[in-house]
């Protein structure tokens, strides 16, 4: 394979939502710990997250929601981060990830992104005129030695990885909650299919693991077969 092996690893509700609502102020990480019947088993997701790949790909929007633009620079971790972002991260957010990452790769189509003003030894920038996810993955493998990477992006980017056939595995932790709301982000968002000819863009999965966790949580693992 000419790109890293990818695994989509996400926490979702029973109805497939990955956030508690459509507003950026609403977020699983902030809101689920407050909900009785959900918070009790939530730590299992974070424990599993610690066992994922040493390369992680996220979106700037999701990270901004988590407050990285205001947080102090954290201790370094063993993980290398790739962030796709055009305007959600400020300079402090970039420095946050430089401090946290072994290698930090920012992917952007914004030639004025604040990352260009940073001079950190472990910072690399992949600039593209138009976002090319396959090209990003190929460059990560070729130039950075990335062999496996965990994806934890928002529904729109997840949808792009799906449609471009760039998902190899799916690893989902299902929280015992129903969220609802047609505008609430789901596991896979983006443009809906409108024609029979587009059915080849669906992701067909083979179940490789199904585990009942504590406090009514589930873990579902799949291999993408087409």
N, C-alpha and C. Protein backbone atom coordinates (compact mmCIF):
# COMPACT_ATOMS: atom_id res chain seq x y z
N UNK A 1 0.85 -1.20 0.00
CA UNK A 1 0.00 0.00 0.00
C UNK A 1 0.88 1.24 0.00
N UNK A 2 0.50 2.24 -0.78
CA UNK A 2 1.32 3.44 -0.91
C UNK A 2 0.91 4.54 0.07
N UNK A 3 0.19 4.16 1.11
CA UNK A 3 -0.22 5.11 2.14
C UNK A 3 -0.33 4.37 3.46
N UNK A 4 -0.43 5.09 4.60
CA UNK A 4 -0.60 4.42 5.89
C UNK A 4 -1.94 3.68 5.98
N UNK A 5 -1.97 2.64 6.80
CA UNK A 5 -3.23 1.96 7.13
C UNK A 5 -4.01 2.86 8.07
N UNK A 6 -5.29 3.07 7.75
CA UNK A 6 -6.11 4.01 8.52
C UNK A 6 -7.16 3.29 9.34
N UNK A 7 -7.41 3.81 10.53
CA UNK A 7 -8.49 3.33 11.39
C UNK A 7 -9.32 4.52 11.86
N UNK A 8 -10.61 4.51 11.56
CA UNK A 8 -11.51 5.53 12.07
C UNK A 8 -11.94 5.11 13.46
N UNK A 9 -11.52 5.85 14.48
CA UNK A 9 -11.83 5.54 15.87
C UNK A 9 -12.65 6.68 16.45
N UNK A 10 -13.89 6.38 16.85
CA UNK A 10 -14.78 7.43 17.30
C UNK A 10 -15.66 6.95 18.45
N UNK A 11 -16.14 7.90 19.21
CA UNK A 11 -17.20 7.70 20.20
C UNK A 11 -18.48 8.23 19.59
N UNK A 12 -19.55 7.41 19.59
CA UNK A 12 -20.80 7.88 19.02
C UNK A 12 -21.98 7.43 19.88
N UNK A 13 -23.11 8.10 19.70
CA UNK A 13 -24.35 7.72 20.37
C UNK A 13 -24.97 6.54 19.64
N UNK A 14 -26.00 5.95 20.22
CA UNK A 14 -26.68 4.83 19.58
C UNK A 14 -27.25 5.22 18.23
N UNK A 15 -27.66 6.49 18.09
CA UNK A 15 -28.20 6.95 16.80
C UNK A 15 -27.12 7.58 15.91
N UNK A 16 -25.86 7.30 16.18
CA UNK A 16 -24.80 7.66 15.26
C UNK A 16 -24.28 9.08 15.35
N UNK A 17 -24.67 9.83 16.37
CA UNK A 17 -24.18 11.21 16.51
C UNK A 17 -22.82 11.21 17.22
N UNK A 18 -22.00 12.20 16.88
CA UNK A 18 -20.68 12.32 17.50
C UNK A 18 -20.56 13.63 18.28
N UNK A 19 -21.66 14.29 18.49
CA UNK A 19 -21.70 15.50 19.30
C UNK A 19 -23.07 15.57 19.96
N UNK A 20 -23.19 16.42 20.97
CA UNK A 20 -24.48 16.55 21.65
C UNK A 20 -25.40 17.55 20.98
N UNK A 21 -24.92 18.27 19.97
CA UNK A 21 -25.77 19.23 19.27
C UNK A 21 -25.04 19.89 18.13
N UNK A 22 -25.72 20.79 17.45
CA UNK A 22 -25.18 21.41 16.24
C UNK A 22 -24.26 22.59 16.54
N UNK A 23 -24.35 23.18 17.72
CA UNK A 23 -23.52 24.33 18.07
C UNK A 23 -22.15 23.87 18.54
N UNK A 24 -21.11 24.63 18.19
CA UNK A 24 -19.76 24.26 18.58
C UNK A 24 -19.56 24.28 20.09
N UNK A 25 -20.45 24.95 20.82
CA UNK A 25 -20.36 24.95 22.28
C UNK A 25 -20.78 23.61 22.87
N UNK A 26 -21.46 22.78 22.07
CA UNK A 26 -21.89 21.46 22.52
C UNK A 26 -20.88 20.43 22.04
N UNK A 27 -20.46 19.55 22.97
CA UNK A 27 -19.37 18.64 22.64
C UNK A 27 -19.43 17.42 23.56
N UNK A 28 -19.17 16.24 22.99
CA UNK A 28 -19.20 15.01 23.79
C UNK A 28 -18.25 15.09 24.98
N UNK A 29 -17.01 15.53 24.74
CA UNK A 29 -16.01 15.52 25.81
C UNK A 29 -16.43 16.40 26.98
N UNK A 30 -17.11 17.50 26.70
CA UNK A 30 -17.54 18.40 27.76
C UNK A 30 -18.88 17.99 28.37
N UNK A 31 -19.77 17.45 27.54
CA UNK A 31 -21.16 17.26 27.98
C UNK A 31 -21.46 15.88 28.55
N UNK A 32 -20.90 14.83 27.98
CA UNK A 32 -21.23 13.49 28.45
C UNK A 32 -20.83 13.24 29.91
N UNK A 33 -19.73 13.83 30.41
CA UNK A 33 -19.40 13.62 31.83
C UNK A 33 -20.45 14.20 32.79
N UNK A 34 -21.37 15.01 32.28
CA UNK A 34 -22.40 15.62 33.13
C UNK A 34 -23.70 14.82 33.16
N UNK A 35 -23.80 13.77 32.34
CA UNK A 35 -25.08 13.09 32.16
C UNK A 35 -25.08 11.76 32.91
N UNK A 36 -25.96 11.64 33.90
CA UNK A 36 -26.11 10.39 34.64
C UNK A 36 -26.51 9.27 33.69
N UNK A 37 -25.93 8.11 33.87
CA UNK A 37 -26.21 6.97 33.01
C UNK A 37 -25.28 6.88 31.81
N UNK A 38 -24.56 7.96 31.55
CA UNK A 38 -23.58 7.99 30.44
C UNK A 38 -22.17 8.19 31.00
N UNK A 39 -22.05 9.09 31.95
CA UNK A 39 -20.72 9.44 32.46
C UNK A 39 -20.02 8.26 33.14
N UNK A 40 -20.82 7.33 33.69
CA UNK A 40 -20.22 6.25 34.48
C UNK A 40 -19.28 5.37 33.66
N UNK A 41 -19.60 5.14 32.40
CA UNK A 41 -18.76 4.26 31.58
C UNK A 41 -17.88 4.98 30.59
N UNK A 42 -17.88 6.30 30.62
CA UNK A 42 -17.18 7.09 29.60
C UNK A 42 -15.68 6.87 29.61
N UNK A 43 -15.11 6.64 30.78
CA UNK A 43 -13.66 6.49 30.89
C UNK A 43 -13.13 5.34 30.05
N UNK A 44 -13.99 4.36 29.76
CA UNK A 44 -13.55 3.21 28.95
C UNK A 44 -13.12 3.66 27.56
N UNK A 45 -13.83 4.64 27.02
CA UNK A 45 -13.46 5.16 25.69
C UNK A 45 -12.06 5.76 25.72
N UNK A 46 -11.77 6.54 26.75
CA UNK A 46 -10.46 7.18 26.82
C UNK A 46 -9.35 6.16 27.08
N UNK A 47 -9.68 5.09 27.79
CA UNK A 47 -8.70 4.03 28.02
C UNK A 47 -8.37 3.33 26.71
N UNK A 48 -9.39 3.05 25.89
CA UNK A 48 -9.16 2.42 24.59
C UNK A 48 -8.38 3.37 23.68
N UNK A 49 -8.70 4.66 23.76
CA UNK A 49 -8.02 5.65 22.93
C UNK A 49 -6.51 5.63 23.16
N UNK A 50 -6.09 5.33 24.38
CA UNK A 50 -4.66 5.29 24.70
C UNK A 50 -3.94 4.14 24.01
N UNK A 51 -4.69 3.19 23.46
CA UNK A 51 -4.08 2.03 22.80
C UNK A 51 -4.07 2.16 21.27
N UNK A 52 -4.52 3.30 20.75
CA UNK A 52 -4.59 3.48 19.31
C UNK A 52 -3.21 3.82 18.74
N UNK A 53 -3.15 4.06 17.43
CA UNK A 53 -1.87 4.26 16.73
C UNK A 53 -1.08 5.45 17.27
N UNK A 54 0.22 5.40 17.02
CA UNK A 54 1.10 6.49 17.45
C UNK A 54 1.10 7.66 16.47
N UNK A 55 0.28 7.58 15.43
CA UNK A 55 -0.04 8.72 14.58
C UNK A 55 -1.54 8.94 14.67
N UNK A 56 -1.96 10.18 14.89
CA UNK A 56 -3.38 10.52 15.01
C UNK A 56 -3.70 11.70 14.11
N UNK A 57 -4.81 11.60 13.39
CA UNK A 57 -5.24 12.68 12.50
C UNK A 57 -6.55 13.25 13.02
N UNK A 58 -6.57 14.58 13.20
CA UNK A 58 -7.73 15.28 13.72
C UNK A 58 -8.03 16.51 12.86
N UNK A 59 -9.14 17.16 13.14
CA UNK A 59 -9.47 18.41 12.46
C UNK A 59 -9.26 19.59 13.40
N UNK A 60 -8.92 20.73 12.82
CA UNK A 60 -8.74 21.93 13.62
C UNK A 60 -10.02 22.36 14.31
N UNK A 61 -11.15 22.17 13.65
CA UNK A 61 -12.42 22.56 14.25
C UNK A 61 -12.70 21.80 15.53
N UNK A 62 -12.51 20.47 15.47
CA UNK A 62 -12.74 19.66 16.67
C UNK A 62 -11.80 20.07 17.79
N UNK A 63 -10.54 20.31 17.45
CA UNK A 63 -9.58 20.67 18.49
C UNK A 63 -9.85 22.06 19.07
N UNK A 64 -10.31 22.97 18.24
CA UNK A 64 -10.68 24.29 18.76
C UNK A 64 -11.84 24.18 19.73
N UNK A 65 -12.81 23.30 19.42
CA UNK A 65 -13.92 23.05 20.34
C UNK A 65 -13.42 22.55 21.68
N UNK A 66 -12.33 21.82 21.67
CA UNK A 66 -11.77 21.26 22.91
C UNK A 66 -10.89 22.26 23.65
N UNK A 67 -10.75 23.47 23.09
CA UNK A 67 -10.08 24.54 23.82
C UNK A 67 -8.57 24.64 23.67
N UNK A 68 -7.99 24.01 22.63
CA UNK A 68 -6.54 24.02 22.52
C UNK A 68 -5.98 25.41 22.25
N UNK A 69 -6.80 26.32 21.73
CA UNK A 69 -6.31 27.67 21.45
C UNK A 69 -6.07 28.49 22.71
N UNK A 70 -6.61 28.01 23.84
CA UNK A 70 -6.45 28.72 25.11
C UNK A 70 -5.61 27.94 26.11
N UNK A 71 -5.38 26.67 25.86
CA UNK A 71 -4.68 25.83 26.84
C UNK A 71 -3.18 26.10 26.82
N UNK A 72 -2.52 25.92 27.98
CA UNK A 72 -1.05 26.03 27.99
C UNK A 72 -0.43 24.85 27.24
N UNK A 73 0.80 25.01 26.85
CA UNK A 73 1.50 23.95 26.14
C UNK A 73 1.66 22.74 27.06
N UNK A 74 1.21 21.56 26.63
CA UNK A 74 1.23 20.38 27.50
C UNK A 74 2.56 19.64 27.44
N UNK A 75 2.74 18.64 28.31
CA UNK A 75 3.93 17.78 28.19
C UNK A 75 3.89 16.98 26.89
N UNK A 76 5.05 16.59 26.43
CA UNK A 76 5.14 15.82 25.19
C UNK A 76 4.62 14.41 25.40
N UNK A 77 3.94 13.88 24.39
CA UNK A 77 3.43 12.51 24.40
C UNK A 77 4.18 11.71 23.34
N UNK A 78 3.98 10.39 23.30
CA UNK A 78 4.62 9.58 22.26
C UNK A 78 3.94 9.70 20.89
N UNK A 79 2.84 10.44 20.81
CA UNK A 79 2.01 10.47 19.61
C UNK A 79 2.43 11.61 18.69
N UNK A 80 2.41 11.34 17.38
CA UNK A 80 2.58 12.38 16.36
C UNK A 80 1.20 12.74 15.83
N UNK A 81 0.92 14.03 15.75
CA UNK A 81 -0.41 14.50 15.36
C UNK A 81 -0.38 15.15 13.98
N UNK A 82 -1.44 14.86 13.23
CA UNK A 82 -1.71 15.54 11.96
C UNK A 82 -3.03 16.26 12.12
N UNK A 83 -3.03 17.57 11.89
CA UNK A 83 -4.24 18.38 12.02
C UNK A 83 -4.56 19.01 10.67
N UNK A 84 -5.78 18.77 10.19
CA UNK A 84 -6.26 19.43 8.98
C UNK A 84 -7.02 20.68 9.40
N UNK A 85 -6.52 21.84 8.98
CA UNK A 85 -7.11 23.09 9.47
C UNK A 85 -6.83 24.24 8.53
N UNK A 86 -7.82 25.10 8.36
CA UNK A 86 -7.63 26.33 7.59
C UNK A 86 -7.71 27.58 8.45
N UNK A 87 -8.58 27.60 9.46
CA UNK A 87 -8.76 28.84 10.21
C UNK A 87 -9.21 28.66 11.65
N UNK A 88 -9.31 27.43 12.15
CA UNK A 88 -9.80 27.24 13.52
C UNK A 88 -8.69 27.34 14.57
N UNK A 89 -7.48 26.95 14.23
CA UNK A 89 -6.37 27.04 15.17
C UNK A 89 -5.69 28.39 15.09
N UNK A 90 -5.41 28.98 16.26
CA UNK A 90 -4.57 30.18 16.29
C UNK A 90 -3.13 29.77 16.59
N UNK A 91 -2.26 30.75 16.77
CA UNK A 91 -0.84 30.43 16.99
C UNK A 91 -0.64 29.62 18.27
N UNK A 92 -1.41 29.93 19.32
CA UNK A 92 -1.29 29.17 20.55
C UNK A 92 -1.73 27.72 20.34
N UNK A 93 -2.77 27.52 19.54
CA UNK A 93 -3.21 26.16 19.24
C UNK A 93 -2.14 25.37 18.51
N UNK A 94 -1.44 26.02 17.61
CA UNK A 94 -0.34 25.37 16.90
C UNK A 94 0.78 25.01 17.88
N UNK A 95 1.12 25.94 18.76
CA UNK A 95 2.19 25.67 19.73
C UNK A 95 1.77 24.57 20.71
N UNK A 96 0.48 24.51 21.02
CA UNK A 96 -0.04 23.43 21.88
C UNK A 96 0.31 22.08 21.26
N UNK A 97 0.05 21.93 19.97
CA UNK A 97 0.31 20.64 19.34
C UNK A 97 1.80 20.39 19.11
N UNK A 98 2.57 21.44 18.92
CA UNK A 98 4.02 21.27 18.83
C UNK A 98 4.56 20.73 20.15
N UNK A 99 4.03 21.26 21.26
CA UNK A 99 4.47 20.79 22.57
C UNK A 99 4.04 19.36 22.86
N UNK A 100 2.87 18.99 22.38
CA UNK A 100 2.29 17.69 22.69
C UNK A 100 2.82 16.57 21.81
N UNK A 101 3.27 16.89 20.59
CA UNK A 101 3.55 15.89 19.56
C UNK A 101 5.02 15.52 19.48
N UNK A 102 5.27 14.26 19.07
CA UNK A 102 6.61 13.90 18.61
C UNK A 102 6.89 14.63 17.31
N UNK A 103 6.00 14.46 16.35
CA UNK A 103 6.02 15.23 15.11
C UNK A 103 4.64 15.85 14.96
N UNK A 104 4.59 17.10 14.55
CA UNK A 104 3.30 17.76 14.30
C UNK A 104 3.25 18.21 12.86
N UNK A 105 2.24 17.69 12.15
CA UNK A 105 2.07 18.03 10.73
C UNK A 105 0.74 18.75 10.59
N UNK A 106 0.80 19.99 10.14
CA UNK A 106 -0.42 20.76 9.87
C UNK A 106 -0.70 20.72 8.38
N UNK A 107 -1.93 20.36 8.01
CA UNK A 107 -2.35 20.32 6.62
C UNK A 107 -3.32 21.47 6.39
N UNK A 108 -3.05 22.32 5.41
CA UNK A 108 -3.89 23.50 5.20
C UNK A 108 -3.91 23.91 3.73
N UNK A 109 -4.99 24.56 3.35
CA UNK A 109 -5.07 25.23 2.05
C UNK A 109 -5.03 26.75 2.22
N UNK A 110 -4.75 27.19 3.46
CA UNK A 110 -4.70 28.61 3.79
C UNK A 110 -3.25 29.08 3.85
N UNK A 111 -2.82 29.84 2.87
CA UNK A 111 -1.43 30.30 2.82
C UNK A 111 -1.10 31.30 3.92
N UNK A 112 -2.12 31.79 4.64
CA UNK A 112 -1.89 32.74 5.73
C UNK A 112 -2.15 32.11 7.08
N UNK A 113 -2.13 30.81 7.16
CA UNK A 113 -2.40 30.13 8.43
C UNK A 113 -1.37 30.55 9.48
N UNK A 114 -1.78 30.73 10.75
CA UNK A 114 -0.83 31.13 11.81
C UNK A 114 0.36 30.20 11.96
N UNK A 115 0.23 28.95 11.52
CA UNK A 115 1.34 28.00 11.66
C UNK A 115 2.58 28.47 10.91
N UNK A 116 2.40 29.25 9.84
CA UNK A 116 3.54 29.71 9.07
C UNK A 116 4.42 30.68 9.86
N UNK A 117 3.85 31.25 10.95
CA UNK A 117 4.63 32.17 11.77
C UNK A 117 5.39 31.45 12.88
N UNK A 118 5.16 30.17 13.05
CA UNK A 118 5.80 29.40 14.12
C UNK A 118 7.10 28.79 13.62
N UNK A 119 8.07 28.76 14.50
CA UNK A 119 9.36 28.15 14.19
C UNK A 119 9.66 27.09 15.24
N UNK A 120 9.04 25.96 15.08
CA UNK A 120 9.22 24.84 16.00
C UNK A 120 9.90 23.69 15.25
N UNK A 121 10.85 23.03 15.91
CA UNK A 121 11.63 22.00 15.23
C UNK A 121 10.79 20.83 14.75
N UNK A 122 9.72 20.50 15.47
CA UNK A 122 8.93 19.32 15.11
C UNK A 122 7.70 19.67 14.28
N UNK A 123 7.59 20.92 13.81
CA UNK A 123 6.45 21.35 13.01
C UNK A 123 6.75 21.23 11.52
N UNK A 124 5.86 20.57 10.81
CA UNK A 124 5.91 20.52 9.35
C UNK A 124 4.55 20.95 8.82
N UNK A 125 4.54 21.59 7.68
CA UNK A 125 3.29 22.07 7.08
C UNK A 125 3.15 21.47 5.69
N UNK A 126 2.01 20.84 5.45
CA UNK A 126 1.66 20.38 4.11
C UNK A 126 0.65 21.38 3.56
N UNK A 127 1.09 22.17 2.60
CA UNK A 127 0.20 23.16 1.98
C UNK A 127 -0.30 22.62 0.66
N UNK A 128 -1.61 22.69 0.47
CA UNK A 128 -2.22 22.25 -0.79
C UNK A 128 -3.16 23.34 -1.29
N UNK A 129 -3.20 23.54 -2.57
CA UNK A 129 -4.15 24.49 -3.14
C UNK A 129 -5.59 24.02 -2.91
N UNK A 130 -5.80 22.71 -3.02
CA UNK A 130 -7.09 22.08 -2.75
C UNK A 130 -6.82 20.82 -1.96
N UNK A 131 -7.63 20.57 -0.94
CA UNK A 131 -7.38 19.44 -0.05
C UNK A 131 -7.42 18.12 -0.82
N UNK A 132 -6.34 17.38 -0.71
CA UNK A 132 -6.20 16.08 -1.35
C UNK A 132 -5.83 15.07 -0.27
N UNK A 133 -6.83 14.37 0.27
CA UNK A 133 -6.59 13.48 1.41
C UNK A 133 -5.67 12.32 1.04
N UNK A 134 -5.85 11.75 -0.13
CA UNK A 134 -4.96 10.66 -0.55
C UNK A 134 -3.52 11.16 -0.65
N UNK A 135 -3.35 12.37 -1.19
CA UNK A 135 -2.02 12.94 -1.27
C UNK A 135 -1.40 13.17 0.10
N UNK A 136 -2.23 13.61 1.05
CA UNK A 136 -1.75 13.81 2.42
C UNK A 136 -1.25 12.50 3.01
N UNK A 137 -2.06 11.46 2.88
CA UNK A 137 -1.67 10.16 3.44
C UNK A 137 -0.40 9.63 2.77
N UNK A 138 -0.31 9.76 1.46
CA UNK A 138 0.88 9.29 0.76
C UNK A 138 2.12 10.04 1.22
N UNK A 139 1.99 11.36 1.44
CA UNK A 139 3.14 12.14 1.89
C UNK A 139 3.53 11.78 3.32
N UNK A 140 2.53 11.49 4.16
CA UNK A 140 2.83 11.07 5.53
C UNK A 140 3.64 9.78 5.54
N UNK A 141 3.28 8.86 4.65
CA UNK A 141 4.03 7.62 4.57
C UNK A 141 5.42 7.82 3.98
N UNK A 142 5.50 8.59 2.91
CA UNK A 142 6.75 8.76 2.18
C UNK A 142 7.75 9.62 2.93
N UNK A 143 7.29 10.75 3.48
CA UNK A 143 8.20 11.73 4.06
C UNK A 143 8.35 11.63 5.57
N UNK A 144 7.39 11.01 6.24
CA UNK A 144 7.41 11.00 7.70
C UNK A 144 7.44 9.59 8.30
N UNK A 145 7.43 8.58 7.46
CA UNK A 145 7.53 7.21 7.97
C UNK A 145 6.29 6.72 8.69
N UNK A 146 5.15 7.33 8.42
CA UNK A 146 3.89 6.93 9.06
C UNK A 146 3.38 5.67 8.38
N UNK A 147 3.18 4.60 9.16
CA UNK A 147 2.69 3.33 8.62
C UNK A 147 1.23 3.07 8.98
N UNK A 148 0.81 3.54 10.14
CA UNK A 148 -0.58 3.37 10.58
C UNK A 148 -1.02 4.67 11.24
N UNK A 149 -2.29 5.06 11.03
CA UNK A 149 -2.77 6.32 11.60
C UNK A 149 -4.23 6.17 12.01
N UNK A 150 -4.56 6.75 13.16
CA UNK A 150 -5.93 6.75 13.66
C UNK A 150 -6.59 8.06 13.31
N UNK A 151 -7.79 7.99 12.71
CA UNK A 151 -8.54 9.18 12.32
C UNK A 151 -9.61 9.46 13.36
N UNK A 152 -9.67 10.69 13.83
CA UNK A 152 -10.69 11.14 14.78
C UNK A 152 -11.15 12.53 14.37
N UNK A 153 -11.74 12.62 13.22
CA UNK A 153 -12.15 13.92 12.70
C UNK A 153 -13.65 14.09 12.82
N UNK A 154 -14.16 15.20 12.32
CA UNK A 154 -15.60 15.45 12.33
C UNK A 154 -16.30 14.69 11.21
N UNK A 155 -17.63 14.74 11.22
CA UNK A 155 -18.41 13.97 10.27
C UNK A 155 -18.13 14.30 8.82
N UNK A 156 -17.86 15.57 8.51
CA UNK A 156 -17.62 15.96 7.12
C UNK A 156 -16.32 15.35 6.59
N UNK A 157 -15.24 15.47 7.36
CA UNK A 157 -13.97 14.88 6.93
C UNK A 157 -14.07 13.35 6.92
N UNK A 158 -14.75 12.78 7.91
CA UNK A 158 -14.95 11.33 7.90
C UNK A 158 -15.63 10.89 6.61
N UNK A 159 -16.62 11.68 6.17
CA UNK A 159 -17.31 11.39 4.93
C UNK A 159 -16.40 11.46 3.72
N UNK A 160 -15.48 12.41 3.73
CA UNK A 160 -14.53 12.52 2.62
C UNK A 160 -13.60 11.31 2.56
N UNK A 161 -13.12 10.87 3.72
CA UNK A 161 -12.27 9.67 3.75
C UNK A 161 -13.05 8.46 3.25
N UNK A 162 -14.33 8.36 3.62
CA UNK A 162 -15.15 7.24 3.15
C UNK A 162 -15.32 7.26 1.65
N UNK A 163 -15.76 8.40 1.10
CA UNK A 163 -16.05 8.49 -0.33
C UNK A 163 -14.79 8.27 -1.18
N UNK A 164 -13.65 8.63 -0.64
CA UNK A 164 -12.40 8.47 -1.39
C UNK A 164 -11.74 7.11 -1.14
N UNK A 165 -12.47 6.22 -0.42
CA UNK A 165 -11.99 4.86 -0.16
C UNK A 165 -10.65 4.87 0.56
N UNK A 166 -10.56 5.68 1.59
CA UNK A 166 -9.32 5.82 2.35
C UNK A 166 -9.44 5.28 3.77
N UNK A 167 -10.53 4.55 4.06
CA UNK A 167 -10.70 3.92 5.36
C UNK A 167 -10.41 2.43 5.26
N UNK A 168 -9.60 1.92 6.18
CA UNK A 168 -9.27 0.50 6.21
C UNK A 168 -9.97 -0.23 7.35
N UNK A 169 -10.08 0.43 8.50
CA UNK A 169 -10.73 -0.16 9.66
C UNK A 169 -11.60 0.88 10.34
N UNK A 170 -12.63 0.40 11.04
CA UNK A 170 -13.52 1.27 11.81
C UNK A 170 -13.63 0.68 13.21
N UNK A 171 -13.39 1.50 14.21
CA UNK A 171 -13.40 1.07 15.62
C UNK A 171 -14.27 2.07 16.38
N UNK A 172 -15.45 1.62 16.79
CA UNK A 172 -16.45 2.53 17.36
C UNK A 172 -16.79 2.13 18.79
N UNK A 173 -16.79 3.10 19.69
CA UNK A 173 -17.34 2.92 21.03
C UNK A 173 -18.71 3.60 21.07
N UNK A 174 -19.73 2.83 21.40
CA UNK A 174 -21.10 3.32 21.38
C UNK A 174 -21.54 3.64 22.80
N UNK A 175 -21.89 4.91 23.03
CA UNK A 175 -22.36 5.35 24.34
C UNK A 175 -23.87 5.13 24.45
N UNK A 176 -24.38 4.79 25.63
CA UNK A 176 -25.81 4.49 25.80
C UNK A 176 -26.66 5.75 25.88
N UNK A 177 -26.74 6.45 24.75
CA UNK A 177 -27.51 7.69 24.73
C UNK A 177 -28.03 7.93 23.32
N UNK A 178 -29.21 8.52 23.23
CA UNK A 178 -29.78 8.97 21.97
C UNK A 178 -29.71 10.49 21.94
N UNK A 179 -29.22 11.07 20.85
CA UNK A 179 -29.02 12.51 20.77
C UNK A 179 -30.07 13.16 19.87
N UNK A 180 -30.20 12.67 18.62
CA UNK A 180 -31.16 13.25 17.71
C UNK A 180 -30.72 14.58 17.14
N UNK A 181 -31.59 15.14 16.27
CA UNK A 181 -31.31 16.43 15.64
C UNK A 181 -30.70 16.26 14.27
N UNK A 182 -31.41 16.69 13.25
CA UNK A 182 -30.92 16.48 11.88
C UNK A 182 -29.66 17.27 11.57
N UNK A 183 -29.38 18.32 12.35
CA UNK A 183 -28.18 19.12 12.10
C UNK A 183 -27.03 18.75 13.02
N UNK A 184 -27.24 17.77 13.89
CA UNK A 184 -26.17 17.31 14.77
C UNK A 184 -25.23 16.41 13.99
N UNK A 185 -23.93 16.64 14.12
CA UNK A 185 -22.95 15.89 13.34
C UNK A 185 -23.03 14.40 13.64
N UNK A 186 -22.95 13.60 12.57
CA UNK A 186 -22.95 12.16 12.70
C UNK A 186 -21.59 11.58 12.39
N UNK A 187 -21.48 10.27 12.55
CA UNK A 187 -20.21 9.60 12.29
C UNK A 187 -19.72 9.88 10.88
N UNK A 188 -20.63 9.81 9.91
CA UNK A 188 -20.31 10.12 8.52
C UNK A 188 -21.30 11.17 8.02
N UNK A 189 -20.80 12.34 7.70
CA UNK A 189 -21.63 13.40 7.14
C UNK A 189 -21.18 13.69 5.71
N UNK A 190 -21.46 14.89 5.26
CA UNK A 190 -21.09 15.27 3.91
C UNK A 190 -22.26 15.10 2.96
N UNK A 191 -21.98 15.18 1.68
CA UNK A 191 -23.00 15.13 0.65
C UNK A 191 -23.63 13.74 0.57
N UNK A 192 -24.96 13.70 0.53
CA UNK A 192 -25.68 12.43 0.42
C UNK A 192 -25.62 11.91 -1.01
N UNK A 193 -25.72 10.60 -1.16
CA UNK A 193 -25.81 10.01 -2.48
C UNK A 193 -27.17 10.30 -3.09
N UNK A 194 -27.21 10.46 -4.41
CA UNK A 194 -28.47 10.80 -5.09
C UNK A 194 -28.78 9.88 -6.25
N UNK A 195 -27.84 8.98 -6.61
CA UNK A 195 -28.05 8.14 -7.78
C UNK A 195 -27.60 6.71 -7.48
N UNK A 196 -28.25 5.76 -8.14
CA UNK A 196 -27.89 4.35 -7.97
C UNK A 196 -26.42 4.12 -8.32
N UNK A 197 -25.92 4.83 -9.31
CA UNK A 197 -24.55 4.62 -9.75
C UNK A 197 -23.53 4.97 -8.66
N UNK A 198 -23.97 5.72 -7.66
CA UNK A 198 -23.05 6.15 -6.61
C UNK A 198 -22.95 5.16 -5.46
N UNK A 199 -23.71 4.07 -5.53
CA UNK A 199 -23.71 3.11 -4.42
C UNK A 199 -22.34 2.50 -4.17
N UNK A 200 -21.47 2.53 -5.17
CA UNK A 200 -20.11 2.01 -4.99
C UNK A 200 -19.32 2.84 -3.99
N UNK A 201 -19.84 4.03 -3.65
CA UNK A 201 -19.16 4.87 -2.67
C UNK A 201 -19.49 4.47 -1.23
N UNK A 202 -20.42 3.55 -1.05
CA UNK A 202 -20.73 3.08 0.29
C UNK A 202 -19.53 2.32 0.87
N UNK A 203 -19.43 2.30 2.17
CA UNK A 203 -18.39 1.53 2.83
C UNK A 203 -18.97 0.23 3.37
N UNK A 204 -18.60 -0.88 2.78
CA UNK A 204 -19.09 -2.18 3.21
C UNK A 204 -18.11 -2.75 4.24
N UNK A 205 -18.64 -3.23 5.36
CA UNK A 205 -17.81 -3.59 6.51
C UNK A 205 -17.95 -5.07 6.86
N UNK A 206 -16.88 -5.63 7.42
CA UNK A 206 -16.90 -6.97 8.00
C UNK A 206 -16.60 -6.85 9.49
N UNK A 207 -17.52 -7.37 10.30
CA UNK A 207 -17.35 -7.28 11.75
C UNK A 207 -16.18 -8.15 12.20
N UNK A 208 -15.24 -7.57 12.92
CA UNK A 208 -14.09 -8.31 13.43
C UNK A 208 -14.07 -8.38 14.95
N UNK A 209 -14.89 -7.57 15.61
CA UNK A 209 -14.94 -7.60 17.06
C UNK A 209 -16.18 -6.92 17.59
N UNK A 210 -16.80 -7.51 18.59
CA UNK A 210 -17.98 -6.92 19.24
C UNK A 210 -17.87 -7.20 20.72
N UNK A 211 -17.72 -6.16 21.51
CA UNK A 211 -17.46 -6.31 22.94
C UNK A 211 -18.47 -5.50 23.75
N UNK A 212 -19.09 -6.16 24.71
CA UNK A 212 -19.96 -5.45 25.65
C UNK A 212 -19.10 -4.90 26.77
N UNK A 213 -19.07 -3.58 26.89
CA UNK A 213 -18.29 -2.93 27.94
C UNK A 213 -19.18 -2.69 29.16
N UNK A 214 -18.59 -2.13 30.17
CA UNK A 214 -19.36 -1.85 31.39
C UNK A 214 -20.31 -0.68 31.17
N UNK A 215 -21.34 -0.62 32.01
CA UNK A 215 -22.27 0.51 32.05
C UNK A 215 -22.96 0.74 30.70
N UNK A 216 -23.30 -0.36 30.00
CA UNK A 216 -24.11 -0.35 28.77
C UNK A 216 -23.38 0.24 27.56
N UNK A 217 -22.08 0.33 27.60
CA UNK A 217 -21.29 0.73 26.44
C UNK A 217 -20.98 -0.48 25.57
N UNK A 218 -20.77 -0.23 24.28
CA UNK A 218 -20.37 -1.28 23.33
C UNK A 218 -19.12 -0.83 22.57
N UNK A 219 -18.33 -1.82 22.14
CA UNK A 219 -17.23 -1.54 21.21
C UNK A 219 -17.42 -2.42 19.98
N UNK A 220 -17.47 -1.79 18.81
CA UNK A 220 -17.67 -2.47 17.55
C UNK A 220 -16.46 -2.24 16.66
N UNK A 221 -15.89 -3.31 16.13
CA UNK A 221 -14.70 -3.19 15.28
C UNK A 221 -14.98 -3.85 13.93
N UNK A 222 -14.58 -3.16 12.87
CA UNK A 222 -14.85 -3.61 11.51
C UNK A 222 -13.60 -3.46 10.64
N UNK A 223 -13.54 -4.33 9.62
CA UNK A 223 -12.60 -4.12 8.51
C UNK A 223 -13.41 -3.64 7.33
N UNK A 224 -12.92 -2.61 6.65
CA UNK A 224 -13.61 -2.11 5.46
C UNK A 224 -13.23 -3.02 4.30
N UNK A 225 -14.24 -3.66 3.68
CA UNK A 225 -13.94 -4.62 2.61
C UNK A 225 -14.21 -4.03 1.23
N UNK A 226 -14.93 -2.94 1.15
CA UNK A 226 -15.09 -2.24 -0.13
C UNK A 226 -15.67 -0.85 0.10
